[in-house]
């Protein structure tokens, strides 16, 4: 079985630690930064060496082994993977029922400690054909978060993902974090000229659960319009800007890259 490794719970924790260090450095100077950096790295090393983390990391699906045609949704699961969930709806405007399939690694659900194991996920789009079969139209191998990538916000509970079809658009929603929780929503629409699914909208919101502060952005990739909102209590400060229009396809998208870019724009 050929499996590549993608974004994991460890990498998410490392990014959260780095962001914490960056925030501290802006406020307290180099000496305090070094002190906090030492504490963060020490805590991270202790966690990574703990028995609770001693498990196989989430894998990444080999998109080229996902069948191009199938008779049933579950037949799109390649070796080492299985169907976790499905939603149906017309995604390309031909009135036929298409599928958005959530695939998950076919590994044991629990680890040796009895907690959910870290399993990778992938999103497969299957369009219905006139002959009654299903045709693969997209595979996102770096979009859906793994089962243990929700951070302290989910603790030992398996991290969920939400995939829906709304008015012909494919919508993916997921969240992760600890005190600061990041919520993201992706919207894709079928592009007839290429036969691919292109990103049309992206929303990210970071909520500080201790202070009730919410910082968010919403981007329309069709127009390039971007709205940033900073909220605390009942006070909202909105800023509208534009970004260069570009096409990002489902097959190429990386949730990690999208979030990192958003953090930079929001100066988080």
Protein backbone atom coordinates (compact mmCIF):
# COMPACT_ATOMS: atom_id res chain seq x y z
CA UNK A 1 0.00 0.00 0.00
CA UNK A 2 1.42 3.36 -1.03
CA UNK A 3 0.67 6.08 1.50
CA UNK A 4 2.13 9.57 1.73
CA UNK A 5 2.00 11.53 4.91
CA UNK A 6 0.10 14.82 5.09
CA UNK A 7 -1.05 17.28 7.73
CA UNK A 8 -1.23 15.63 11.17
CA UNK A 9 -2.12 16.45 14.73
CA UNK A 10 1.60 16.97 15.41
CA UNK A 11 2.01 19.51 12.60
CA UNK A 12 -1.07 21.43 13.76
CA UNK A 13 0.31 21.64 17.29
CA UNK A 14 3.68 22.79 15.97
CA UNK A 15 2.01 25.56 13.96
CA UNK A 16 -0.03 26.65 17.00
CA UNK A 17 3.15 26.78 19.07
CA UNK A 18 4.91 28.88 16.42
CA UNK A 19 2.01 31.32 16.24
CA UNK A 20 2.08 31.65 20.02
CA UNK A 21 5.79 32.49 19.88
CA UNK A 22 5.20 35.08 17.16
CA UNK A 23 2.53 36.81 19.23
CA UNK A 24 4.73 36.84 22.32
CA UNK A 25 7.67 38.29 20.39
CA UNK A 26 5.63 41.31 19.36
CA UNK A 27 4.68 42.08 22.95
CA UNK A 28 7.58 41.27 25.24
CA UNK A 29 10.85 41.55 23.37
CA UNK A 30 13.67 39.15 22.68
CA UNK A 31 14.48 38.05 26.27
CA UNK A 32 10.91 37.13 27.07
CA UNK A 33 10.60 35.54 23.64
CA UNK A 34 13.52 33.19 24.29
CA UNK A 35 12.09 32.22 27.67
CA UNK A 36 8.67 31.48 26.24
CA UNK A 37 10.20 29.72 23.25
CA UNK A 38 12.08 27.38 25.58
CA UNK A 39 8.88 26.59 27.50
CA UNK A 40 6.87 25.98 24.34
CA UNK A 41 9.50 23.68 22.83
CA UNK A 42 9.91 21.80 26.11
CA UNK A 43 6.16 21.27 26.43
CA UNK A 44 5.96 20.15 22.82
CA UNK A 45 8.78 17.63 23.25
CA UNK A 46 7.17 16.23 26.39
CA UNK A 47 3.87 15.83 24.58
CA UNK A 48 5.41 14.19 21.52
CA UNK A 49 7.23 11.67 23.70
CA UNK A 50 4.15 10.78 25.75
CA UNK A 51 2.42 7.40 25.32
CA UNK A 52 -0.78 9.15 24.20
CA UNK A 53 1.03 10.41 21.11
CA UNK A 54 2.86 7.17 20.38
CA UNK A 55 0.70 6.19 17.43
CA UNK A 56 0.93 5.98 13.68
CA UNK A 57 0.37 9.33 11.98
CA UNK A 58 -2.41 10.00 9.50
CA UNK A 59 -1.71 9.02 5.93
CA UNK A 60 -2.41 10.74 2.64
CA UNK A 61 -4.36 9.00 -0.11
CA UNK A 62 -2.67 8.19 -3.41
CA UNK A 63 -5.06 9.98 -5.78
CA UNK A 64 -3.84 7.99 -8.77
CA UNK A 65 -5.13 4.78 -7.20
CA UNK A 66 -8.67 6.12 -6.84
CA UNK A 67 -10.76 4.48 -9.61
CA UNK A 68 -11.86 6.75 -12.46
CA UNK A 69 -15.15 4.87 -12.95
CA UNK A 70 -17.36 2.85 -10.62
CA UNK A 71 -20.87 1.50 -10.25
CA UNK A 72 -21.23 2.29 -6.53
CA UNK A 73 -19.84 5.09 -4.30
CA UNK A 74 -17.93 2.68 -2.04
CA UNK A 75 -16.00 1.35 -5.04
CA UNK A 76 -14.04 4.63 -5.19
CA UNK A 77 -12.21 3.63 -2.00
CA UNK A 78 -8.66 2.67 -2.98
CA UNK A 79 -6.61 0.02 -1.19
CA UNK A 80 -6.14 0.92 2.48
CA UNK A 81 -9.12 3.32 2.53
CA UNK A 82 -12.87 3.05 3.04
CA UNK A 83 -15.99 5.17 2.68
CA UNK A 84 -16.74 7.25 5.80
CA UNK A 85 -19.63 9.38 4.56
CA UNK A 86 -21.52 10.51 1.48
CA UNK A 87 -23.81 13.33 0.42
CA UNK A 88 -25.73 13.44 -2.84
CA UNK A 89 -27.01 16.24 -5.06
CA UNK A 90 -26.68 17.70 -8.54
CA UNK A 91 -23.19 19.22 -8.80
CA UNK A 92 -22.88 19.84 -12.55
CA UNK A 93 -26.36 20.96 -13.57
CA UNK A 94 -27.47 17.84 -15.47
CA UNK A 95 -30.18 16.96 -12.87
CA UNK A 96 -28.50 13.61 -12.14
CA UNK A 97 -27.58 12.73 -8.53
CA UNK A 98 -23.84 13.18 -7.95
CA UNK A 99 -21.80 12.26 -4.86
CA UNK A 100 -19.34 13.93 -2.51
CA UNK A 101 -17.56 11.06 -0.76
CA UNK A 102 -15.52 11.31 2.43
CA UNK A 103 -12.85 8.61 2.48
CA UNK A 104 -10.95 7.56 5.59
CA UNK A 105 -7.98 5.31 6.24
CA UNK A 106 -8.98 1.73 6.93
CA UNK A 107 -7.02 1.55 10.17
CA UNK A 108 -8.33 0.53 13.62
CA UNK A 109 -10.60 3.24 15.06
CA UNK A 110 -8.95 3.03 18.51
CA UNK A 111 -5.29 3.05 19.51
CA UNK A 112 -3.66 1.02 22.29
CA UNK A 113 -4.83 3.59 24.87
CA UNK A 114 -8.45 3.24 23.76
CA UNK A 115 -8.52 6.71 22.17
CA UNK A 116 -9.41 7.45 18.54
CA UNK A 117 -6.47 6.67 16.26
CA UNK A 118 -5.09 9.26 13.87
CA UNK A 119 -6.57 8.50 10.46
CA UNK A 120 -6.27 10.55 7.29
CA UNK A 121 -9.22 11.67 5.20
CA UNK A 122 -9.79 12.49 1.54
CA UNK A 123 -12.66 13.94 -0.47
CA UNK A 124 -13.69 12.26 -3.73
CA UNK A 125 -16.25 13.76 -6.12
CA UNK A 126 -18.18 11.31 -8.32
CA UNK A 127 -20.50 12.57 -11.07
CA UNK A 128 -23.37 10.47 -12.36
CA UNK A 129 -23.21 9.54 -16.05
CA UNK A 130 -26.11 8.91 -18.42
CA UNK A 131 -25.30 5.20 -18.57
CA UNK A 132 -25.94 4.88 -14.82
CA UNK A 133 -22.32 4.74 -13.72
CA UNK A 134 -20.22 7.16 -11.66
CA UNK A 135 -17.18 9.06 -12.92
CA UNK A 136 -14.43 10.52 -10.74
CA UNK A 137 -14.36 14.33 -11.08
CA UNK A 138 -11.99 15.31 -8.30
CA UNK A 139 -9.85 14.09 -5.41
CA UNK A 140 -8.81 16.41 -2.59
CA UNK A 141 -5.99 14.76 -0.64
CA UNK A 142 -5.00 17.80 1.48
CA UNK A 143 -8.33 19.44 2.35
CA UNK A 144 -10.06 17.38 5.04
CA UNK A 145 -8.52 17.27 8.50
CA UNK A 146 -7.56 13.97 10.09
CA UNK A 147 -9.47 12.32 12.91
CA UNK A 148 -7.11 13.71 15.58
CA UNK A 149 -6.33 17.09 14.02
CA UNK A 150 -8.91 19.03 16.01
CA UNK A 151 -6.49 19.91 18.80
CA UNK A 152 -7.42 20.33 22.46
CA UNK A 153 -10.84 21.66 21.40
CA UNK A 154 -11.89 18.07 20.66
CA UNK A 155 -9.60 16.35 23.15
CA UNK A 156 -9.85 12.57 22.73
CA UNK A 157 -13.04 12.84 20.67
CA UNK A 158 -12.67 12.08 16.98
CA UNK A 159 -12.46 15.31 14.99
CA UNK A 160 -15.41 15.69 12.59
CA UNK A 161 -15.65 17.22 9.13
CA UNK A 162 -18.83 18.49 7.50
CA UNK A 163 -19.39 18.11 3.75
CA UNK A 164 -22.64 19.32 2.16
CA UNK A 165 -24.11 20.21 -1.23
CA UNK A 166 -25.95 23.54 -1.20
CA UNK A 167 -27.61 24.98 -4.32
CA UNK A 168 -25.27 23.06 -6.58
CA UNK A 169 -22.14 24.08 -4.67
CA UNK A 170 -19.87 21.77 -2.69
CA UNK A 171 -19.31 23.08 0.85
CA UNK A 172 -16.70 21.87 3.36
CA UNK A 173 -16.68 23.07 6.97
CA UNK A 174 -14.23 22.11 9.72
CA UNK A 175 -12.66 23.54 12.87
CA UNK A 176 -9.76 22.95 15.26
CA UNK A 177 -7.79 24.60 18.06
CA UNK A 178 -7.73 24.95 21.81
CA UNK A 179 -8.40 28.29 23.51
CA UNK A 180 -8.29 29.88 20.06
CA UNK A 181 -10.52 27.92 17.68
CA UNK A 182 -10.20 28.25 13.91
CA UNK A 183 -13.30 27.67 11.78
CA UNK A 184 -13.02 27.35 8.00
CA UNK A 185 -15.57 27.02 5.22
CA UNK A 186 -14.71 26.22 1.59
CA UNK A 187 -17.14 26.51 -1.34
CA UNK A 188 -16.52 24.90 -4.73
CA UNK A 189 -18.47 24.93 -7.98
CA UNK A 190 -18.18 22.77 -11.09
CA UNK A 191 -16.38 24.46 -14.00
CA UNK A 192 -17.68 22.98 -17.30
CA UNK A 193 -14.74 24.25 -19.36
CA UNK A 194 -12.24 22.18 -17.38
CA UNK A 195 -14.46 19.54 -15.83
CA UNK A 196 -12.98 20.46 -12.44
CA UNK A 197 -14.26 21.97 -9.20
CA UNK A 198 -12.97 25.48 -8.56
CA UNK A 199 -12.89 27.34 -5.25
CA UNK A 200 -15.44 30.18 -5.26
CA UNK A 201 -15.47 31.14 -1.57
CA UNK A 202 -13.35 30.82 1.56
CA UNK A 203 -14.20 31.90 5.11
CA UNK A 204 -11.94 31.74 8.15
CA UNK A 205 -12.77 32.85 11.66
CA UNK A 206 -10.59 32.62 14.75
CA UNK A 207 -12.40 32.82 18.07
CA UNK A 208 -10.67 33.41 21.40
CA UNK A 209 -12.95 31.51 23.76
CA UNK A 210 -11.57 33.31 26.81
CA UNK A 211 -12.12 36.87 25.59
CA UNK A 212 -14.95 36.30 23.07
CA UNK A 213 -12.83 38.07 20.45
CA UNK A 214 -13.52 36.97 16.88
CA UNK A 215 -11.31 37.84 13.90
CA UNK A 216 -12.51 36.67 10.50
CA UNK A 217 -12.25 37.08 6.77
CA UNK A 218 -14.50 36.11 3.88
CA UNK A 219 -13.22 35.93 0.30
CA UNK A 220 -15.20 35.68 -2.93
CA UNK A 221 -12.78 34.16 -5.44
CA UNK A 222 -15.08 34.94 -8.35
CA UNK A 223 -14.88 38.71 -7.79
CA UNK A 224 -11.77 39.04 -5.61
CA UNK A 225 -13.79 40.81 -2.90
CA UNK A 226 -12.53 40.33 0.66
CA UNK A 227 -14.16 41.39 3.95
CA UNK A 228 -12.34 41.37 7.28
CA UNK A 229 -14.23 41.64 10.57
CA UNK A 230 -12.79 42.14 14.04
CA UNK A 231 -15.34 41.67 16.79
CA UNK A 232 -15.38 41.88 20.56
CA UNK A 233 -18.72 41.78 22.28
CA UNK A 234 -21.19 43.87 20.29
CA UNK A 235 -18.55 45.95 18.51
CA UNK A 236 -17.61 45.02 14.94
CA UNK A 237 -14.94 46.67 12.83
CA UNK A 238 -15.26 45.77 9.14
CA UNK A 239 -12.69 46.33 6.42
CA UNK A 240 -13.31 45.65 2.72
CA UNK A 241 -10.44 45.08 0.31
CA UNK A 242 -9.76 43.10 -2.86
CA UNK A 243 -7.30 40.33 -3.65
CA UNK A 244 -5.94 39.20 -7.03
CA UNK A 245 -8.42 36.89 -8.74
CA UNK A 246 -7.02 33.40 -9.25
CA UNK A 247 -8.32 29.89 -9.68
CA UNK A 248 -7.72 27.24 -7.06
CA UNK A 249 -9.01 23.78 -7.91
CA UNK A 250 -10.25 21.12 -5.52
CA UNK A 251 -7.51 18.70 -6.56
CA UNK A 252 -4.76 21.20 -5.74
CA UNK A 253 -6.03 22.84 -2.57
CA UNK A 254 -4.23 22.51 0.76
CA UNK A 255 -6.12 23.44 3.92
CA UNK A 256 -2.82 24.09 5.69
CA UNK A 257 -1.64 26.53 3.01
CA UNK A 258 -5.01 28.30 2.95
CA UNK A 259 -4.99 28.80 6.71
CA UNK A 260 -1.39 30.00 6.84
CA UNK A 261 -2.12 32.59 4.12
CA UNK A 262 -5.22 33.75 6.01
CA UNK A 263 -3.28 34.11 9.27
CA UNK A 264 -0.79 36.33 7.48
CA UNK A 265 -3.50 38.53 5.98
CA UNK A 266 -5.16 38.84 9.39
CA UNK A 267 -1.79 39.33 11.16
CA UNK A 268 -2.49 36.52 13.60
